[in-house]
């Protein structure tokens, strides 16, 4: 009679499929695909190294299609699609699958598919499993991003206002920086980062015929650096760091709560109500030797 508790061992094809879709295989293939695309972009088109790199990329696309098919076979279509990472991977694989037509069709107009497939590198975030305290780190980042929303929106509004002002004031002197509001917003963002900001007012001074415009430009951009760069970005950084470290005392607070619970149990065991516990005055002096009898 067969033991009902005994279970048949998985067949060899099932073990092979599970191994092929495991992180030990998928992650190295993702890294290899990224390296192949890097080499293909680095070398000349049509060269031997370029052909090898594109061949590796082609093989990786085939593997990704095989991976998706095996996962659907193992988990079922509904089980596969319940996972957000699986849906993301499937969308990227389908969007990049026209690359498989490269041997017979010129895909120079579909180079965007090569870029889209790089999105699979987001799966490298699975390596966070090996980072110590990863859950604590992720929670801190989420908390910091939520707390920084207000500061970021304020900086965006400030950038928008200053960019419009710079467009109206200095657009005719530096059209490459302030020719339209979009260019002006990018230029003001550069000013906020304090990266070569002084070159912009210097350019306006060189092109302006009236020296008053030079004084106004230097005052305008110096104030923008002070408000947006020094104060604004420093405030955003302070809020982010403060929220990241906000739970550093969680262990201490947990221990204090446990100590309070133990004290409450002790008072209850001794029959001492919490309200009758006397607190010594801070200025009360202990009895001296002369007070003893």
Protein backbone atom coordinates (compact mmCIF):
# COMPACT_ATOMS: atom_id res chain seq x y z
CA UNK A 1 0.00 0.00 0.00
CA UNK A 2 1.32 3.40 -0.94
CA UNK A 3 2.04 5.80 1.92
CA UNK A 4 -0.29 8.82 1.46
CA UNK A 5 2.29 11.06 3.10
CA UNK A 6 4.87 10.21 0.49
CA UNK A 7 5.14 12.67 -2.35
CA UNK A 8 6.74 11.96 -5.69
CA UNK A 9 9.96 13.77 -6.35
CA UNK A 10 9.81 16.47 -9.05
CA UNK A 11 10.72 15.22 -12.46
CA UNK A 12 13.99 16.24 -14.05
CA UNK A 13 12.37 18.59 -16.62
CA UNK A 14 10.61 20.43 -13.78
CA UNK A 15 13.84 20.81 -11.83
CA UNK A 16 15.60 22.08 -14.95
CA UNK A 17 12.86 24.64 -15.63
CA UNK A 18 12.98 25.87 -12.02
CA UNK A 19 16.74 26.22 -12.27
CA UNK A 20 16.56 28.19 -15.54
CA UNK A 21 14.15 30.76 -14.07
CA UNK A 22 16.00 31.07 -10.76
CA UNK A 23 17.91 34.18 -9.75
CA UNK A 24 21.21 32.31 -10.07
CA UNK A 25 20.67 32.13 -13.83
CA UNK A 26 18.46 35.15 -14.65
CA UNK A 27 20.53 37.82 -12.92
CA UNK A 28 23.84 36.88 -14.63
CA UNK A 29 22.03 36.85 -18.00
CA UNK A 30 20.64 40.35 -17.32
CA UNK A 31 24.14 41.60 -16.50
CA UNK A 32 25.53 39.87 -19.60
CA UNK A 33 22.83 41.51 -21.74
CA UNK A 34 23.68 44.94 -20.37
CA UNK A 35 27.39 44.33 -20.99
CA UNK A 36 26.67 43.23 -24.56
CA UNK A 37 24.64 46.38 -25.26
CA UNK A 38 27.42 48.48 -23.75
CA UNK A 39 30.04 46.88 -25.97
CA UNK A 40 27.78 47.19 -29.04
CA UNK A 41 27.33 50.91 -28.38
CA UNK A 42 31.07 51.35 -27.75
CA UNK A 43 32.35 49.68 -30.92
CA UNK A 44 31.96 50.55 -34.58
CA UNK A 45 28.91 49.24 -36.42
CA UNK A 46 29.59 46.18 -38.55
CA UNK A 47 32.84 45.25 -36.83
CA UNK A 48 33.63 41.81 -35.51
CA UNK A 49 33.25 42.84 -31.88
CA UNK A 50 29.96 44.55 -32.68
CA UNK A 51 28.62 41.42 -34.37
CA UNK A 52 29.61 39.28 -31.38
CA UNK A 53 27.97 41.69 -28.95
CA UNK A 54 24.75 41.79 -30.97
CA UNK A 55 24.82 37.98 -31.15
CA UNK A 56 25.02 37.79 -27.37
CA UNK A 57 22.17 40.30 -27.14
CA UNK A 58 20.12 38.18 -29.55
CA UNK A 59 20.74 35.09 -27.43
CA UNK A 60 19.71 36.96 -24.28
CA UNK A 61 16.41 37.97 -25.88
CA UNK A 62 15.74 34.34 -26.74
CA UNK A 63 16.53 33.36 -23.15
CA UNK A 64 14.17 36.03 -21.77
CA UNK A 65 11.36 34.70 -23.96
CA UNK A 66 12.13 31.18 -22.78
CA UNK A 67 12.17 32.38 -19.18
CA UNK A 68 8.72 33.96 -19.51
CA UNK A 69 7.33 30.80 -21.17
CA UNK A 70 8.75 28.55 -18.44
CA UNK A 71 7.38 30.75 -15.66
CA UNK A 72 3.93 30.71 -17.26
CA UNK A 73 4.18 26.92 -17.55
CA UNK A 74 5.20 26.50 -13.90
CA UNK A 75 2.84 29.02 -12.27
CA UNK A 76 0.04 29.23 -14.78
CA UNK A 77 -0.94 32.38 -16.64
CA UNK A 78 -2.97 33.88 -13.77
CA UNK A 79 -0.34 33.02 -11.18
CA UNK A 80 2.37 34.50 -13.38
CA UNK A 81 0.51 37.75 -13.99
CA UNK A 82 -0.27 38.24 -10.30
CA UNK A 83 3.37 39.18 -9.75
CA UNK A 84 4.18 42.78 -10.64
CA UNK A 85 7.78 42.00 -11.63
CA UNK A 86 6.54 39.29 -13.99
CA UNK A 87 4.15 41.72 -15.72
CA UNK A 88 6.96 44.26 -16.05
CA UNK A 89 9.34 41.65 -17.50
CA UNK A 90 6.74 40.34 -19.91
CA UNK A 91 5.96 43.82 -21.23
CA UNK A 92 9.67 44.51 -21.83
CA UNK A 93 10.27 41.15 -23.49
CA UNK A 94 7.32 41.59 -25.84
CA UNK A 95 8.35 45.16 -26.71
CA UNK A 96 11.91 44.06 -27.49
CA UNK A 97 11.02 40.85 -29.34
CA UNK A 98 11.15 42.56 -32.81
CA UNK A 99 14.93 42.44 -32.39
CA UNK A 100 14.64 38.75 -33.22
CA UNK A 101 13.87 39.82 -36.81
CA UNK A 102 17.31 41.46 -37.10
CA UNK A 103 18.78 38.72 -39.35
CA UNK A 104 16.11 39.32 -42.00
CA UNK A 105 14.87 42.90 -41.38
CA UNK A 106 16.78 46.17 -40.94
CA UNK A 107 15.84 47.38 -37.47
CA UNK A 108 17.75 50.64 -37.48
CA UNK A 109 14.47 52.46 -36.97
CA UNK A 110 13.63 50.26 -33.97
CA UNK A 111 16.67 50.97 -31.84
CA UNK A 112 14.35 52.06 -29.07
CA UNK A 113 13.66 48.37 -28.38
CA UNK A 114 17.28 47.90 -27.36
CA UNK A 115 16.88 50.72 -24.87
CA UNK A 116 13.59 49.39 -23.53
CA UNK A 117 15.17 46.03 -22.79
CA UNK A 118 17.62 47.76 -20.49
CA UNK A 119 14.64 48.24 -18.21
CA UNK A 120 15.15 44.62 -17.20
CA UNK A 121 18.16 45.85 -15.25
CA UNK A 122 15.65 47.03 -12.67
CA UNK A 123 15.48 43.39 -11.67
CA UNK A 124 18.99 43.81 -10.31
CA UNK A 125 17.27 45.46 -7.37
CA UNK A 126 16.68 41.88 -6.23
CA UNK A 127 20.29 42.01 -5.14
CA UNK A 128 19.01 44.17 -2.29
CA UNK A 129 18.16 40.87 -0.61
CA UNK A 130 21.86 40.64 0.27
CA UNK A 131 22.03 44.16 1.72
CA UNK A 132 21.94 44.20 5.54
CA UNK A 133 18.84 45.85 7.03
CA UNK A 134 17.34 46.29 3.57
CA UNK A 135 13.77 46.57 4.91
CA UNK A 136 14.85 49.30 7.30
CA UNK A 137 16.61 51.13 4.46
CA UNK A 138 13.65 50.89 2.07
CA UNK A 139 11.22 52.10 4.72
CA UNK A 140 13.49 55.06 5.46
CA UNK A 141 13.66 56.01 1.78
CA UNK A 142 9.88 55.81 1.42
CA UNK A 143 9.37 57.92 4.52
CA UNK A 144 11.90 60.49 3.32
CA UNK A 145 10.31 60.74 -0.12
CA UNK A 146 6.88 61.36 1.40
CA UNK A 147 8.26 64.04 3.70
CA UNK A 148 10.19 65.73 0.88
CA UNK A 149 7.20 66.18 -1.44
CA UNK A 150 6.33 69.61 -0.08
CA UNK A 151 9.90 70.90 -0.34
CA UNK A 152 10.28 69.54 -3.88
CA UNK A 153 7.02 71.17 -5.00
CA UNK A 154 8.13 74.47 -3.46
CA UNK A 155 11.46 74.28 -5.33
CA UNK A 156 9.66 73.49 -8.58
CA UNK A 157 7.37 76.50 -8.11
CA UNK A 158 10.35 78.71 -7.30
CA UNK A 159 12.17 77.41 -10.39
CA UNK A 160 9.11 78.14 -12.54
CA UNK A 161 8.75 81.72 -11.25
CA UNK A 162 12.44 82.55 -11.57
CA UNK A 163 12.59 80.94 -15.04
CA UNK A 164 9.71 83.08 -16.29
CA UNK A 165 11.32 86.18 -14.84
CA UNK A 166 14.64 85.34 -16.48
CA UNK A 167 12.89 84.73 -19.82
CA UNK A 168 11.28 88.18 -19.77
CA UNK A 169 14.39 89.97 -18.52
CA UNK A 170 17.32 88.21 -20.20
CA UNK A 171 15.83 86.22 -23.08
CA UNK A 172 17.09 88.63 -25.72
CA UNK A 173 20.62 88.64 -24.28
CA UNK A 174 21.02 84.86 -23.82
CA UNK A 175 18.46 83.06 -26.00
CA UNK A 176 20.38 79.79 -25.70
CA UNK A 177 19.61 79.85 -21.97
CA UNK A 178 16.36 81.82 -21.71
CA UNK A 179 14.90 81.79 -25.20
CA UNK A 180 11.75 80.05 -23.94
CA UNK A 181 10.41 78.99 -20.53
CA UNK A 182 11.54 75.37 -20.92
CA UNK A 183 15.13 76.36 -21.61
CA UNK A 184 14.92 78.88 -18.79
CA UNK A 185 13.71 76.24 -16.32
CA UNK A 186 16.63 74.00 -17.22
CA UNK A 187 19.07 76.90 -16.90
CA UNK A 188 17.63 77.90 -13.53
CA UNK A 189 17.96 74.30 -12.37
CA UNK A 190 21.66 74.53 -13.25
CA UNK A 191 21.81 77.73 -11.21
CA UNK A 192 20.21 75.94 -8.25
CA UNK A 193 22.88 73.23 -8.40
CA UNK A 194 25.58 75.96 -8.26
CA UNK A 195 27.33 74.30 -11.21
CA UNK A 196 28.93 77.03 -13.32
CA UNK A 197 26.14 79.48 -12.52
CA UNK A 198 28.45 82.51 -12.72
CA UNK A 199 29.01 81.98 -16.46
CA UNK A 200 25.38 82.91 -17.18
CA UNK A 201 25.40 86.46 -15.74
CA UNK A 202 28.89 86.98 -17.19
CA UNK A 203 27.50 86.14 -20.65
CA UNK A 204 24.68 88.64 -20.18
CA UNK A 205 27.16 91.31 -19.08
CA UNK A 206 29.19 90.78 -22.26
CA UNK A 207 26.15 91.06 -24.55
CA UNK A 208 24.24 93.84 -22.80
CA UNK A 209 24.90 97.36 -24.04
CA UNK A 210 23.77 99.03 -20.82
CA UNK A 211 25.81 98.23 -17.67
CA UNK A 212 22.61 98.33 -15.63
CA UNK A 213 21.61 95.02 -17.16
CA UNK A 214 24.87 93.48 -15.95
CA UNK A 215 24.25 94.63 -12.39
CA UNK A 216 20.67 93.36 -12.54
CA UNK A 217 21.76 89.99 -13.96
CA UNK A 218 24.38 89.43 -11.28
CA UNK A 219 21.97 90.39 -8.51
CA UNK A 220 19.19 88.23 -9.98
CA UNK A 221 21.26 85.07 -10.32
CA UNK A 222 23.15 85.57 -7.06
CA UNK A 223 19.80 85.78 -5.27
CA UNK A 224 18.60 82.68 -7.14
CA UNK A 225 21.67 80.75 -6.01
CA UNK A 226 21.15 81.87 -2.42
CA UNK A 227 17.41 81.10 -2.28
CA UNK A 228 17.19 78.05 -4.51
CA UNK A 229 20.65 76.54 -4.23
CA UNK A 230 21.91 77.25 -0.73
CA UNK A 231 18.65 77.47 1.23
CA UNK A 232 16.26 75.39 -0.89
CA UNK A 233 18.42 72.38 -1.67
CA UNK A 234 19.92 72.40 1.83
CA UNK A 235 16.40 72.34 3.30
CA UNK A 236 15.39 69.45 1.03
CA UNK A 237 18.53 67.53 2.00
CA UNK A 238 17.93 68.20 5.70
CA UNK A 239 14.33 66.94 5.52
CA UNK A 240 15.40 63.82 3.64
CA UNK A 241 18.22 62.96 6.05
CA UNK A 242 16.08 63.71 9.11
CA UNK A 243 13.37 61.31 7.96
CA UNK A 244 15.94 58.66 7.05
CA UNK A 245 17.28 58.71 10.62
CA UNK A 246 13.95 59.26 12.36
CA UNK A 247 13.65 55.65 13.51
CA UNK A 248 17.16 55.29 14.91
CA UNK A 249 15.72 55.33 18.44
CA UNK A 250 13.07 52.67 17.80
CA UNK A 251 14.96 50.01 19.75
CA UNK A 252 15.43 52.35 22.70
CA UNK A 253 11.74 53.30 22.68
CA UNK A 254 10.78 49.62 22.57
CA UNK A 255 12.96 48.91 25.60
CA UNK A 256 11.48 51.88 27.49
CA UNK A 257 7.96 50.65 26.74
CA UNK A 258 8.88 47.17 27.97
CA UNK A 259 10.36 48.66 31.15
CA UNK A 260 7.18 50.64 31.77
CA UNK A 261 5.12 47.48 31.32
CA UNK A 262 7.31 45.62 33.83
CA UNK A 263 6.98 48.46 36.35
CA UNK A 264 3.20 48.43 35.92
CA UNK A 265 3.12 44.65 36.54
CA UNK A 266 5.33 45.07 39.60
CA UNK A 267 3.08 47.77 41.06
CA UNK A 268 0.05 45.61 40.42
CA UNK A 269 1.71 42.65 42.17
CA UNK A 270 2.61 44.78 45.19
CA UNK A 271 -0.84 46.34 45.30
CA UNK A 272 0.54 49.85 44.89
CA UNK A 273 -1.69 52.09 42.77
CA UNK A 274 0.29 54.18 40.27
CA UNK A 275 -1.26 57.39 41.58
CA UNK A 276 0.15 56.86 45.11
CA UNK A 277 3.77 56.64 44.00
CA UNK A 278 5.56 59.63 45.50
CA UNK A 279 8.07 61.58 43.49
CA UNK A 280 10.90 63.14 45.43
CA UNK A 281 11.40 66.85 44.98
CA UNK A 282 14.56 67.67 43.05
CA UNK A 283 15.75 70.09 45.77
CA UNK A 284 15.13 67.67 48.65
CA UNK A 285 18.42 67.05 50.49
CA UNK A 286 19.18 63.67 52.08
CA UNK A 287 19.29 63.43 55.83
CA UNK A 288 22.71 64.33 57.22
CA UNK A 289 24.66 62.52 59.91
CA UNK A 290 23.54 65.03 62.58
CA UNK A 291 19.85 64.18 61.99
CA UNK A 292 20.31 60.56 63.00
CA UNK A 293 19.65 59.49 66.54
